[in-house]
Amino acid sequence: MYPEIEPYQHGMLEVGDGNHIYWETSGNPDGKPAVVCHGGPGSGSRPSTRRFFDPAAYRIVQFDQRGCARSTPHAGDPATSLETNTTAHLVADMELLREFLGIEKWLVMGGSWGSTLALVYAEQHPHRVSELVIPAVTTSRHSEHAWITRGLRIFFPDHFEAFQAGLPPEDRDGNIPAAYQRLLNSPDPEVRAKAAWDWCKWDLATITGGDNDFTGRFADPDFRYLSARLVTHYWGNEAFLSDGQVIRDLGKLAGIPGVLIHGRNDFGGPLTTAWDVAQGWPDAELVILNDAGHTADESSSMERAVLAALDRFRR
């Protein structure tokens, strides 16, 4: 990883609907522009992500998606409406940010949920994308949401039992994220806090392969609520995309080089999704990591693969 660096510029951008998104730039002001789509939804941009980029070569753009981290209004406030927080809104926000920063074309990087956002953005604005680097590939197909909220019970029956028990009996066989979203919007703060606890316990178990102890940001009940509320909002509404939309539109990426990086041991996002994207996008290289899971934090091979892809594209 490259050394830690600090942003040289940051600010708040008004994007409409009463929303302002936080943005920052680091690295070389005259370098190759690259934008990062963070995961979650709701995780917010992280300083450690800058270390994947050569700071002498890249102008690194990071932003907090609507409702999370330093963007306002904050979805951690139950009074904040999520009506104008959709994938289409996030894509439009990225275009406004690109124009505001005076960037003609940029490399787009995004992992986990950020990979769905990166792919949708690139498919809608291919002439603004120089390359794509996508670890932990997702496309938000209905089957992917069903897998992570119900299918994974075959690996985590103990965690799934507790996860399902957090819902009223009448909601346990339906749309699980939508049912949790209703609890997270309850007027009762105790109901909201318990729903956030139960949701995040399951979410962490599926990402880590069974470990769901609350550490780091998840030790904060406010972050748990924010994360649960945004994730269930997007998953419960199938990310506001038609089923299979990202896969169907891959032809729009013709001529854009990319690297797809995926761990074979990724429970939350099975390798088949990355495989399907690679089949529909001939200009992309698929890197399969036999010892990796969902995040670069879990695997040095994932870390090295992301670094190698960004180093390849830095000139």
C-alpha atoms as a PDB file:
ATOM      1  CA  MET A   1       0.000   0.000   0.000  1.00  0.00           C
ATOM      2  CA  TYR A   2       1.134   3.547  -0.685  1.00  0.00           C
ATOM      3  CA  PRO A   3       1.807   5.916   2.256  1.00  0.00           C
ATOM      4  CA  GLU A   4      -1.026   7.690   4.020  1.00  0.00           C
ATOM      5  CA  ILE A   5      -1.900  11.072   2.519  1.00  0.00           C
ATOM      6  CA  GLU A   6      -4.322  13.853   3.377  1.00  0.00           C
ATOM      7  CA  PRO A   7      -6.747  15.592   1.004  1.00  0.00           C
ATOM      8  CA  TYR A   8      -5.521  18.830  -0.518  1.00  0.00           C
ATOM      9  CA  GLN A   9      -9.074  20.011  -1.231  1.00  0.00           C
ATOM     10  CA  HIS A  10     -12.558  19.229   0.069  1.00  0.00           C
ATOM     11  CA  GLY A  11     -16.017  20.681   0.225  1.00  0.00           C
ATOM     12  CA  MET A  12     -19.781  20.181   0.109  1.00  0.00           C
ATOM     13  CA  LEU A  13     -21.610  20.042  -3.236  1.00  0.00           C
ATOM     14  CA  GLU A  14     -25.309  20.830  -3.526  1.00  0.00           C
ATOM     15  CA  VAL A  15     -26.877  18.089  -5.652  1.00  0.00           C
ATOM     16  CA  GLY A  16     -30.565  18.892  -5.373  1.00  0.00           C
ATOM     17  CA  ASP A  17     -33.520  17.725  -3.296  1.00  0.00           C
ATOM     18  CA  GLY A  18     -31.966  19.483  -0.296  1.00  0.00           C
ATOM     19  CA  ASN A  19     -28.936  17.174  -0.395  1.00  0.00           C
ATOM     20  CA  HIS A  20     -25.285  18.165  -0.096  1.00  0.00           C
ATOM     21  CA  ILE A  21     -22.562  15.571  -0.641  1.00  0.00           C
ATOM     22  CA  TYR A  22     -19.125  15.740   0.921  1.00  0.00           C
ATOM     23  CA  TRP A  23     -16.200  15.383  -1.503  1.00  0.00           C
ATOM     24  CA  GLU A  24     -12.428  15.499  -1.264  1.00  0.00           C
ATOM     25  CA  THR A  25      -9.430  15.207  -3.576  1.00  0.00           C
ATOM     26  CA  SER A  26      -5.958  13.916  -2.740  1.00  0.00           C
ATOM     27  CA  GLY A  27      -2.781  12.884  -4.509  1.00  0.00           C
ATOM     28  CA  ASN A  28      -1.505  14.851  -7.510  1.00  0.00           C
ATOM     29  CA  PRO A  29      -3.762  17.779  -8.578  1.00  0.00           C
ATOM     30  CA  ASP A  30      -2.434  17.331 -12.120  1.00  0.00           C
ATOM     31  CA  GLY A  31      -2.574  13.542 -12.044  1.00  0.00           C
ATOM     32  CA  LYS A  32      -4.902  11.086 -13.713  1.00  0.00           C
ATOM     33  CA  PRO A  33      -8.423  11.539 -12.275  1.00  0.00           C
ATOM     34  CA  ALA A  34      -9.935   8.562 -10.432  1.00  0.00           C
ATOM     35  CA  VAL A  35     -13.158   8.422  -8.453  1.00  0.00           C
ATOM     36  CA  VAL A  36     -14.049   5.906  -5.737  1.00  0.00           C
ATOM     37  CA  CYS A  37     -17.580   4.563  -5.196  1.00  0.00           C
ATOM     38  CA  HIS A  38     -17.694   3.367  -1.608  1.00  0.00           C
ATOM     39  CA  GLY A  39     -19.634   0.335  -0.463  1.00  0.00           C
ATOM     40  CA  GLY A  40     -22.533  -0.174   1.868  1.00  0.00           C
ATOM     41  CA  PRO A  41     -24.722   1.504   0.800  1.00  0.00           C
ATOM     42  CA  GLY A  42     -23.876   3.909   3.598  1.00  0.00           C
ATOM     43  CA  SER A  43     -20.305   2.986   4.489  1.00  0.00           C
ATOM     44  CA  GLY A  44     -18.910   6.372   3.522  1.00  0.00           C
ATOM     45  CA  SER A  45     -15.505   7.105   2.009  1.00  0.00           C
ATOM     46  CA  ARG A  46     -12.491   5.867   3.976  1.00  0.00           C
ATOM     47  CA  PRO A  47      -8.988   7.386   4.232  1.00  0.00           C
ATOM     48  CA  SER A  48      -7.374   3.953   3.803  1.00  0.00           C
ATOM     49  CA  THR A  49      -8.735   3.687   0.247  1.00  0.00           C
ATOM     50  CA  ARG A  50      -6.345   6.434  -0.871  1.00  0.00           C
ATOM     51  CA  ARG A  51      -3.440   4.079  -0.193  1.00  0.00           C
ATOM     52  CA  PHE A  52      -4.366   1.920  -3.194  1.00  0.00           C
ATOM     53  CA  PHE A  53      -3.461   4.792  -5.533  1.00  0.00           C
ATOM     54  CA  ASP A  54       0.001   6.059  -6.452  1.00  0.00           C
ATOM     55  CA  PRO A  55      -0.262   9.614  -5.054  1.00  0.00           C
ATOM     56  CA  ALA A  56       2.251  10.940  -7.604  1.00  0.00           C
ATOM     57  CA  ALA A  57       0.193   9.607 -10.516  1.00  0.00           C
ATOM     58  CA  TYR A  58      -3.459   9.949  -9.494  1.00  0.00           C
ATOM     59  CA  ARG A  59      -5.845  12.755  -8.639  1.00  0.00           C
ATOM     60  CA  ILE A  60      -8.008  10.762  -6.223  1.00  0.00           C
ATOM     61  CA  VAL A  61     -11.638  11.844  -5.834  1.00  0.00           C
ATOM     62  CA  GLN A  62     -13.707  10.474  -2.951  1.00  0.00           C
ATOM     63  CA  PHE A  63     -17.231  11.386  -1.924  1.00  0.00           C
ATOM     64  CA  ASP A  64     -19.838  10.307   0.612  1.00  0.00           C
ATOM     65  CA  GLN A  65     -23.020   9.109  -1.059  1.00  0.00           C
ATOM     66  CA  ARG A  66     -26.334  10.680  -0.140  1.00  0.00           C
ATOM     67  CA  GLY A  67     -27.361  10.362   3.476  1.00  0.00           C
ATOM     68  CA  CYS A  68     -24.142   8.967   4.938  1.00  0.00           C
ATOM     69  CA  ALA A  69     -20.912  10.019   6.634  1.00  0.00           C
ATOM     70  CA  ARG A  70     -20.403  13.775   6.125  1.00  0.00           C
ATOM     71  CA  SER A  71     -23.150  14.281   3.525  1.00  0.00           C
ATOM     72  CA  THR A  72     -26.399  15.937   4.568  1.00  0.00           C
ATOM     73  CA  PRO A  73     -29.184  15.434   5.479  1.00  0.00           C
ATOM     74  CA  HIS A  74     -28.095  12.322   7.365  1.00  0.00           C
ATOM     75  CA  ALA A  75     -29.991   9.038   7.056  1.00  0.00           C
ATOM     76  CA  GLY A  76     -28.994   8.272  10.640  1.00  0.00           C
ATOM     77  CA  ASP A  77     -31.802  10.657  11.581  1.00  0.00           C
ATOM     78  CA  PRO A  78     -35.062   8.674  11.232  1.00  0.00           C
ATOM     79  CA  ALA A  79     -36.794  11.909  10.225  1.00  0.00           C
ATOM     80  CA  THR A  80     -34.664  12.120   7.061  1.00  0.00           C
ATOM     81  CA  SER A  81     -36.656  10.989   4.031  1.00  0.00           C
ATOM     82  CA  LEU A  82     -34.990   8.491   1.706  1.00  0.00           C
ATOM     83  CA  GLU A  83     -37.391   9.175  -1.155  1.00  0.00           C
ATOM     84  CA  THR A  84     -34.690  10.902  -3.229  1.00  0.00           C
ATOM     85  CA  ASN A  85     -31.941   8.450  -2.289  1.00  0.00           C
ATOM     86  CA  THR A  86     -31.813   5.975  -5.187  1.00  0.00           C
ATOM     87  CA  THR A  87     -29.215   4.600  -7.579  1.00  0.00           C
ATOM     88  CA  ALA A  88     -30.317   7.085 -10.242  1.00  0.00           C
ATOM     89  CA  HIS A  89     -29.773   9.956  -7.807  1.00  0.00           C
ATOM     90  CA  LEU A  90     -26.291   8.705  -6.897  1.00  0.00           C
ATOM     91  CA  VAL A  91     -25.309   8.402 -10.567  1.00  0.00           C
ATOM     92  CA  ALA A  92     -26.532  11.959 -11.189  1.00  0.00           C
ATOM     93  CA  ASP A  93     -24.546  13.151  -8.158  1.00  0.00           C
ATOM     94  CA  MET A  94     -21.372  11.641  -9.616  1.00  0.00           C
ATOM     95  CA  GLU A  95     -21.910  13.524 -12.868  1.00  0.00           C
ATOM     96  CA  LEU A  96     -22.479  16.790 -11.022  1.00  0.00           C
ATOM     97  CA  LEU A  97     -19.280  16.212  -9.046  1.00  0.00           C
ATOM     98  CA  ARG A  98     -17.281  15.412 -12.193  1.00  0.00           C
ATOM     99  CA  GLU A  99     -18.488  18.602 -13.856  1.00  0.00           C
ATOM    100  CA  PHE A 100     -17.871  20.659 -10.721  1.00  0.00           C
ATOM    101  CA  LEU A 101     -14.264  19.430 -10.519  1.00  0.00           C
ATOM    102  CA  GLY A 102     -13.678  20.076 -14.225  1.00  0.00           C
ATOM    103  CA  ILE A 103     -12.844  16.462 -15.048  1.00  0.00           C
ATOM    104  CA  GLU A 104     -13.455  15.240 -18.583  1.00  0.00           C
ATOM    105  CA  LYS A 105     -12.903  11.532 -17.962  1.00  0.00           C
ATOM    106  CA  TRP A 106     -11.937   9.489 -14.915  1.00  0.00           C
ATOM    107  CA  LEU A 107     -11.067   5.982 -13.824  1.00  0.00           C
ATOM    108  CA  VAL A 108     -13.918   4.580 -11.744  1.00  0.00           C
ATOM    109  CA  MET A 109     -13.278   2.202  -8.856  1.00  0.00           C
ATOM    110  CA  GLY A 110     -15.925   0.585  -6.682  1.00  0.00           C
ATOM    111  CA  GLY A 111     -16.237  -2.554  -4.596  1.00  0.00           C
ATOM    112  CA  SER A 112     -19.192  -4.457  -3.133  1.00  0.00           C
ATOM    113  CA  TRP A 113     -22.219  -2.113  -3.413  1.00  0.00           C
ATOM    114  CA  GLY A 114     -19.790   0.402  -4.947  1.00  0.00           C
ATOM    115  CA  SER A 115     -19.246  -1.984  -7.855  1.00  0.00           C
ATOM    116  CA  THR A 116     -22.938  -1.878  -8.749  1.00  0.00           C
ATOM    117  CA  LEU A 117     -22.860   1.914  -8.620  1.00  0.00           C
ATOM    118  CA  ALA A 118     -19.630   2.055 -10.665  1.00  0.00           C
ATOM    119  CA  LEU A 119     -21.036  -0.252 -13.345  1.00  0.00           C
ATOM    120  CA  VAL A 120     -24.356   1.600 -13.594  1.00  0.00           C
ATOM    121  CA  TYR A 121     -22.530   4.924 -13.834  1.00  0.00           C
ATOM    122  CA  ALA A 122     -20.196   3.602 -16.542  1.00  0.00           C
ATOM    123  CA  GLU A 123     -23.080   2.125 -18.534  1.00  0.00           C
ATOM    124  CA  GLN A 124     -24.936   5.431 -18.471  1.00  0.00           C
ATOM    125  CA  HIS A 125     -21.862   7.636 -19.062  1.00  0.00           C
ATOM    126  CA  PRO A 126     -19.338   5.455 -20.907  1.00  0.00           C
ATOM    127  CA  HIS A 127     -17.683   8.449 -22.586  1.00  0.00           C
ATOM    128  CA  ARG A 128     -16.720   9.754 -19.125  1.00  0.00           C
ATOM    129  CA  VAL A 129     -14.944   6.560 -17.996  1.00  0.00           C
ATOM    130  CA  SER A 130     -11.331   5.770 -18.881  1.00  0.00           C
ATOM    131  CA  GLU A 131     -11.093   2.434 -17.000  1.00  0.00           C
ATOM    132  CA  LEU A 132     -12.899   0.455 -14.308  1.00  0.00           C
ATOM    133  CA  VAL A 133     -11.376  -1.373 -11.349  1.00  0.00           C
ATOM    134  CA  ILE A 134     -13.957  -3.482  -9.518  1.00  0.00           C
ATOM    135  CA  PRO A 135     -13.168  -5.706  -6.538  1.00  0.00           C
ATOM    136  CA  ALA A 136     -15.947  -7.785  -4.919  1.00  0.00           C
ATOM    137  CA  VAL A 137     -18.268  -7.604  -7.914  1.00  0.00           C
ATOM    138  CA  THR A 138     -22.016  -7.127  -7.432  1.00  0.00           C
ATOM    139  CA  THR A 139     -24.755  -6.129  -9.870  1.00  0.00           C
ATOM    140  CA  SER A 140     -27.798  -6.032  -7.540  1.00  0.00           C
ATOM    141  CA  ARG A 141     -29.814  -8.627  -9.420  1.00  0.00           C
ATOM    142  CA  HIS A 142     -32.848  -9.807  -7.483  1.00  0.00           C
ATOM    143  CA  SER A 143     -31.200 -13.205  -7.074  1.00  0.00           C
ATOM    144  CA  GLU A 144     -28.156 -11.571  -5.461  1.00  0.00           C
ATOM    145  CA  HIS A 145     -30.294  -9.845  -2.837  1.00  0.00           C
ATOM    146  CA  ALA A 146     -32.235 -13.062  -2.244  1.00  0.00           C
ATOM    147  CA  TRP A 147     -28.975 -14.957  -1.815  1.00  0.00           C
ATOM    148  CA  ILE A 148     -27.488 -12.628   0.776  1.00  0.00           C
ATOM    149  CA  THR A 149     -30.712 -12.254   2.781  1.00  0.00           C
ATOM    150  CA  ARG A 150     -32.029 -15.810   2.613  1.00  0.00           C
ATOM    151  CA  GLY A 151     -29.912 -18.201   0.532  1.00  0.00           C
ATOM    152  CA  LEU A 152     -26.902 -17.917   2.836  1.00  0.00           C
ATOM    153  CA  ARG A 153     -28.807 -19.715   5.560  1.00  0.00           C
ATOM    154  CA  ILE A 154     -27.333 -22.951   4.163  1.00  0.00           C
ATOM    155  CA  PHE A 155     -23.938 -21.753   5.426  1.00  0.00           C
ATOM    156  CA  PHE A 156     -25.105 -19.802   8.467  1.00  0.00           C
ATOM    157  CA  PRO A 157     -28.221 -21.548   9.859  1.00  0.00           C
ATOM    158  CA  ASP A 158     -27.475 -20.355  13.392  1.00  0.00           C
ATOM    159  CA  HIS A 159     -27.105 -16.724  12.369  1.00  0.00           C
ATOM    160  CA  PHE A 160     -30.088 -16.919  10.018  1.00  0.00           C
ATOM    161  CA  GLU A 161     -32.365 -18.195  12.769  1.00  0.00           C
ATOM    162  CA  ALA A 162     -31.566 -15.140  14.891  1.00  0.00           C
ATOM    163  CA  PHE A 163     -31.842 -12.862  11.842  1.00  0.00           C
ATOM    164  CA  GLN A 164     -35.284 -14.184  10.895  1.00  0.00           C
ATOM    165  CA  ALA A 165     -36.459 -14.135  14.516  1.00  0.00           C
ATOM    166  CA  GLY A 166     -35.882 -10.391  14.595  1.00  0.00           C
ATOM    167  CA  LEU A 167     -38.956  -9.964  12.379  1.00  0.00           C
ATOM    168  CA  PRO A 168     -42.657 -10.378  13.209  1.00  0.00           C
ATOM    169  CA  PRO A 169     -43.813 -13.917  12.279  1.00  0.00           C
ATOM    170  CA  GLU A 170     -45.943 -12.646   9.407  1.00  0.00           C
ATOM    171  CA  ASP A 171     -42.883 -11.008   7.745  1.00  0.00           C
ATOM    172  CA  ARG A 172     -40.396 -13.860   8.001  1.00  0.00           C
ATOM    173  CA  ASP A 173     -41.204 -15.484   4.657  1.00  0.00           C
ATOM    174  CA  GLY A 174     -41.470 -12.284   2.617  1.00  0.00           C
ATOM    175  CA  ASN A 175     -39.101  -9.502   1.573  1.00  0.00           C
ATOM    176  CA  ILE A 176     -36.707  -9.520   4.522  1.00  0.00           C
ATOM    177  CA  PRO A 177     -34.933  -6.198   3.818  1.00  0.00           C
ATOM    178  CA  ALA A 178     -38.267  -4.411   3.316  1.00  0.00           C
ATOM    179  CA  ALA A 179     -39.566  -5.887   6.582  1.00  0.00           C
ATOM    180  CA  TYR A 180     -36.482  -4.693   8.452  1.00  0.00           C
ATOM    181  CA  GLN A 181     -36.847  -1.287   6.781  1.00  0.00           C
ATOM    182  CA  ARG A 182     -40.301  -0.962   8.336  1.00  0.00           C
ATOM    183  CA  LEU A 183     -38.871  -1.706  11.783  1.00  0.00           C
ATOM    184  CA  LEU A 184     -36.020   0.744  11.227  1.00  0.00           C
ATOM    185  CA  ASN A 185     -38.593   3.452  10.455  1.00  0.00           C
ATOM    186  CA  SER A 186     -40.630   2.709  13.581  1.00  0.00           C
ATOM    187  CA  PRO A 187     -41.486   5.676  15.817  1.00  0.00           C
ATOM    188  CA  ASP A 188     -40.190   3.609  18.772  1.00  0.00           C
ATOM    189  CA  PRO A 189     -36.413   4.144  19.238  1.00  0.00           C
ATOM    190  CA  GLU A 190     -36.046   0.773  20.980  1.00  0.00           C
ATOM    191  CA  VAL A 191     -37.589  -1.023  18.001  1.00  0.00           C
ATOM    192  CA  ARG A 192     -35.246   0.833  15.660  1.00  0.00           C
ATOM    193  CA  ALA A 193     -32.168   0.032  17.752  1.00  0.00           C
ATOM    194  CA  LYS A 194     -32.998  -3.681  18.000  1.00  0.00           C
ATOM    195  CA  ALA A 195     -33.677  -3.917  14.255  1.00  0.00           C
ATOM    196  CA  ALA A 196     -30.318  -2.281  13.511  1.00  0.00           C
ATOM    197  CA  TRP A 197     -28.614  -4.708  15.917  1.00  0.00           C
ATOM    198  CA  ASP A 198     -30.254  -7.782  14.355  1.00  0.00           C
ATOM    199  CA  TRP A 199     -29.643  -6.649  10.782  1.00  0.00           C
ATOM    200  CA  CYS A 200     -25.984  -5.774  11.313  1.00  0.00           C
ATOM    201  CA  LYS A 201     -25.330  -9.057  13.142  1.00  0.00           C
ATOM    202  CA  TRP A 202     -26.410 -10.924  10.015  1.00  0.00           C
ATOM    203  CA  ASP A 203     -24.668  -8.543   7.633  1.00  0.00           C
ATOM    204  CA  LEU A 204     -21.328  -8.925   9.417  1.00  0.00           C
ATOM    205  CA  ALA A 205     -21.625 -12.714   9.641  1.00  0.00           C
ATOM    206  CA  THR A 206     -22.118 -13.060   5.890  1.00  0.00           C
ATOM    207  CA  ILE A 207     -19.260 -10.693   5.036  1.00  0.00           C
ATOM    208  CA  THR A 208     -16.706 -12.171   7.428  1.00  0.00           C
ATOM    209  CA  GLY A 209     -17.641 -15.833   7.120  1.00  0.00           C
ATOM    210  CA  GLY A 210     -19.292 -16.123  10.522  1.00  0.00           C
ATOM    211  CA  ASP A 211     -17.745 -13.472  12.785  1.00  0.00           C
ATOM    212  CA  ASN A 212     -20.334 -10.913  13.790  1.00  0.00           C
ATOM    213  CA  ASP A 213     -18.847  -9.261  16.858  1.00  0.00           C
ATOM    214  CA  PHE A 214     -19.362  -5.511  16.755  1.00  0.00           C
ATOM    215  CA  THR A 215     -15.969  -3.828  16.506  1.00  0.00           C
ATOM    216  CA  GLY A 216     -14.734  -0.658  14.838  1.00  0.00           C
ATOM    217  CA  ARG A 217     -17.523   1.423  13.341  1.00  0.00           C
ATOM    218  CA  PHE A 218     -20.153  -1.237  14.079  1.00  0.00           C
ATOM    219  CA  ALA A 219     -19.542  -0.811  17.807  1.00  0.00           C
ATOM    220  CA  ASP A 220     -21.302   2.552  17.430  1.00  0.00           C
ATOM    221  CA  PRO A 221     -25.109   2.141  17.588  1.00  0.00           C
ATOM    222  CA  ASP A 222     -25.559   5.269  15.471  1.00  0.00           C
ATOM    223  CA  PHE A 223     -23.482   3.769  12.649  1.00  0.00           C
ATOM    224  CA  ARG A 224     -25.367   0.468  12.945  1.00  0.00           C
ATOM    225  CA  TYR A 225     -28.638   2.307  12.492  1.00  0.00           C
ATOM    226  CA  LEU A 226     -27.378   4.332   9.538  1.00  0.00           C
ATOM    227  CA  SER A 227     -25.920   1.273   7.837  1.00  0.00           C
ATOM    228  CA  ALA A 228     -28.989  -0.897   8.389  1.00  0.00           C
ATOM    229  CA  ARG A 229     -31.378   1.816   7.259  1.00  0.00           C
ATOM    230  CA  LEU A 230     -29.580   2.532   3.972  1.00  0.00           C
ATOM    231  CA  VAL A 231     -28.793  -1.091   3.107  1.00  0.00           C
ATOM    232  CA  THR A 232     -32.371  -2.241   3.688  1.00  0.00           C
ATOM    233  CA  HIS A 233     -33.666   0.759   1.744  1.00  0.00           C
ATOM    234  CA  TYR A 234     -31.636  -0.272  -1.305  1.00  0.00           C
ATOM    235  CA  TRP A 235     -31.966  -4.051  -1.023  1.00  0.00           C
ATOM    236  CA  GLY A 236     -35.646  -3.913  -0.141  1.00  0.00           C
ATOM    237  CA  ASN A 237     -36.207  -1.949  -3.352  1.00  0.00           C
ATOM    238  CA  GLU A 238     -33.849  -4.119  -5.466  1.00  0.00           C
ATOM    239  CA  ALA A 239     -31.433  -1.157  -5.701  1.00  0.00           C
ATOM    240  CA  PHE A 240     -34.050   0.665  -7.801  1.00  0.00           C
ATOM    241  CA  LEU A 241     -32.878  -1.264 -10.883  1.00  0.00           C
ATOM    242  CA  SER A 242     -34.758  -3.626 -13.149  1.00  0.00           C
ATOM    243  CA  ASP A 243     -33.741  -7.247 -12.656  1.00  0.00           C
ATOM    244  CA  GLY A 244     -30.540  -8.021 -14.575  1.00  0.00           C
ATOM    245  CA  GLN A 245     -30.196  -4.429 -15.807  1.00  0.00           C
ATOM    246  CA  VAL A 246     -26.440  -4.192 -15.201  1.00  0.00           C
ATOM    247  CA  ILE A 247     -25.752  -7.467 -17.022  1.00  0.00           C
ATOM    248  CA  ARG A 248     -27.995  -6.555 -19.970  1.00  0.00           C
ATOM    249  CA  ASP A 249     -26.271  -3.192 -20.442  1.00  0.00           C
ATOM    250  CA  LEU A 250     -22.679  -4.459 -20.374  1.00  0.00           C
ATOM    251  CA  GLY A 251     -22.415  -3.952 -24.135  1.00  0.00           C
ATOM    252  CA  LYS A 252     -22.289  -0.209 -23.447  1.00  0.00           C
ATOM    253  CA  LEU A 253     -18.840  -0.731 -21.874  1.00  0.00           C
ATOM    254  CA  ALA A 254     -17.279  -1.885 -25.155  1.00  0.00           C
ATOM    255  CA  GLY A 255     -13.834  -0.370 -25.514  1.00  0.00           C
ATOM    256  CA  ILE A 256     -13.457   0.489 -21.817  1.00  0.00           C
ATOM    257  CA  PRO A 257     -10.708  -1.621 -20.209  1.00  0.00           C
ATOM    258  CA  GLY A 258     -11.350  -2.972 -16.744  1.00  0.00           C
ATOM    259  CA  VAL A 259     -10.254  -5.399 -14.073  1.00  0.00           C
ATOM    260  CA  LEU A 260     -12.740  -7.485 -12.083  1.00  0.00           C
ATOM    261  CA  ILE A 261     -11.254  -8.883  -8.858  1.00  0.00           C
ATOM    262  CA  HIS A 262     -13.161 -11.476  -6.872  1.00  0.00           C
ATOM    263  CA  GLY A 263     -12.470 -13.850  -4.007  1.00  0.00           C
ATOM    264  CA  ARG A 264     -13.592 -17.436  -4.421  1.00  0.00           C
ATOM    265  CA  ASN A 265     -14.514 -17.448  -0.711  1.00  0.00           C
ATOM    266  CA  ASP A 266     -16.811 -14.431  -0.929  1.00  0.00           C
ATOM    267  CA  PHE A 267     -20.018 -15.590   0.779  1.00  0.00           C
ATOM    268  CA  GLY A 268     -21.905 -12.329   0.350  1.00  0.00           C
ATOM    269  CA  GLY A 269     -21.141 -12.025  -3.359  1.00  0.00           C
ATOM    270  CA  PRO A 270     -20.666 -15.399  -5.072  1.00  0.00           C
ATOM    271  CA  LEU A 271     -18.067 -15.634  -7.836  1.00  0.00           C
ATOM    272  CA  THR A 272     -20.782 -16.376 -10.395  1.00  0.00           C
ATOM    273  CA  THR A 273     -21.685 -12.672 -10.498  1.00  0.00           C
ATOM    274  CA  ALA A 274     -18.148 -11.617 -11.436  1.00  0.00           C
ATOM    275  CA  TRP A 275     -18.080 -14.455 -13.978  1.00  0.00           C
ATOM    276  CA  ASP A 276     -21.315 -13.272 -15.605  1.00  0.00           C
ATOM    277  CA  VAL A 277     -20.009  -9.701 -15.833  1.00  0.00           C
ATOM    278  CA  ALA A 278     -16.779 -10.901 -17.433  1.00  0.00           C
ATOM    279  CA  GLN A 279     -18.720 -12.895 -20.054  1.00  0.00           C
ATOM    280  CA  GLY A 280     -20.666  -9.825 -21.088  1.00  0.00           C
ATOM    281  CA  TRP A 281     -17.736  -7.412 -21.065  1.00  0.00           C
ATOM    282  CA  PRO A 282     -14.880  -8.715 -23.249  1.00  0.00           C
ATOM    283  CA  ASP A 283     -12.630  -5.733 -22.461  1.00  0.00           C
ATOM    284  CA  ALA A 284     -12.459  -6.717 -18.785  1.00  0.00           C
ATOM    285  CA  GLU A 285      -9.995  -9.100 -17.170  1.00  0.00           C
ATOM    286  CA  LEU A 286     -11.327 -11.312 -14.386  1.00  0.00           C
ATOM    287  CA  VAL A 287      -8.879 -12.011 -11.552  1.00  0.00           C
ATOM    288  CA  ILE A 288     -10.039 -14.898  -9.319  1.00  0.00           C
ATOM    289  CA  LEU A 289      -8.407 -15.118  -5.896  1.00  0.00           C
ATOM    290  CA  ASN A 290      -8.590 -18.560  -4.301  1.00  0.00           C
ATOM    291  CA  ASP A 291      -7.705 -17.323  -0.810  1.00  0.00           C
ATOM    292  CA  ALA A 292      -9.837 -14.166  -0.643  1.00  0.00           C
ATOM    293  CA  GLY A 293     -13.237 -13.274   0.732  1.00  0.00           C
ATOM    294  CA  HIS A 294     -15.306 -10.140   0.328  1.00  0.00           C
ATOM    295  CA  THR A 295     -12.905  -7.349   1.275  1.00  0.00           C
ATOM    296  CA  ALA A 296      -9.284  -6.344   0.872  1.00  0.00           C
ATOM    297  CA  ASP A 297      -9.079  -6.172   4.677  1.00  0.00           C
ATOM    298  CA  GLU A 298      -9.401  -9.952   4.806  1.00  0.00           C
ATOM    299  CA  SER A 299      -6.788 -10.851   2.220  1.00  0.00           C
ATOM    300  CA  SER A 300      -3.369  -9.645   1.172  1.00  0.00           C
ATOM    301  CA  SER A 301      -3.978 -11.150  -2.284  1.00  0.00           C
ATOM    302  CA  MET A 302      -7.034  -8.908  -2.773  1.00  0.00           C
ATOM    303  CA  GLU A 303      -4.971  -5.928  -1.675  1.00  0.00           C
ATOM    304  CA  ARG A 304      -2.178  -6.794  -4.106  1.00  0.00           C
ATOM    305  CA  ALA A 305      -4.607  -7.357  -6.992  1.00  0.00           C
ATOM    306  CA  VAL A 306      -6.248  -3.945  -6.529  1.00  0.00           C
ATOM    307  CA  LEU A 307      -2.846  -2.254  -6.306  1.00  0.00           C
ATOM    308  CA  ALA A 308      -1.647  -4.036  -9.453  1.00  0.00           C
ATOM    309  CA  ALA A 309      -4.726  -2.985 -11.430  1.00  0.00           C
ATOM    310  CA  LEU A 310      -4.430   0.656 -10.412  1.00  0.00           C
ATOM    311  CA  ASP A 311      -0.688   0.686 -11.084  1.00  0.00           C
ATOM    312  CA  ARG A 312      -1.348  -0.712 -14.550  1.00  0.00           C
ATOM    313  CA  PHE A 313      -3.744   2.099 -15.406  1.00  0.00           C
ATOM    314  CA  ARG A 314      -1.890   4.995 -13.759  1.00  0.00           C
ATOM    315  CA  ARG A 315      -0.327   6.180 -17.045  1.00  0.00           C
END
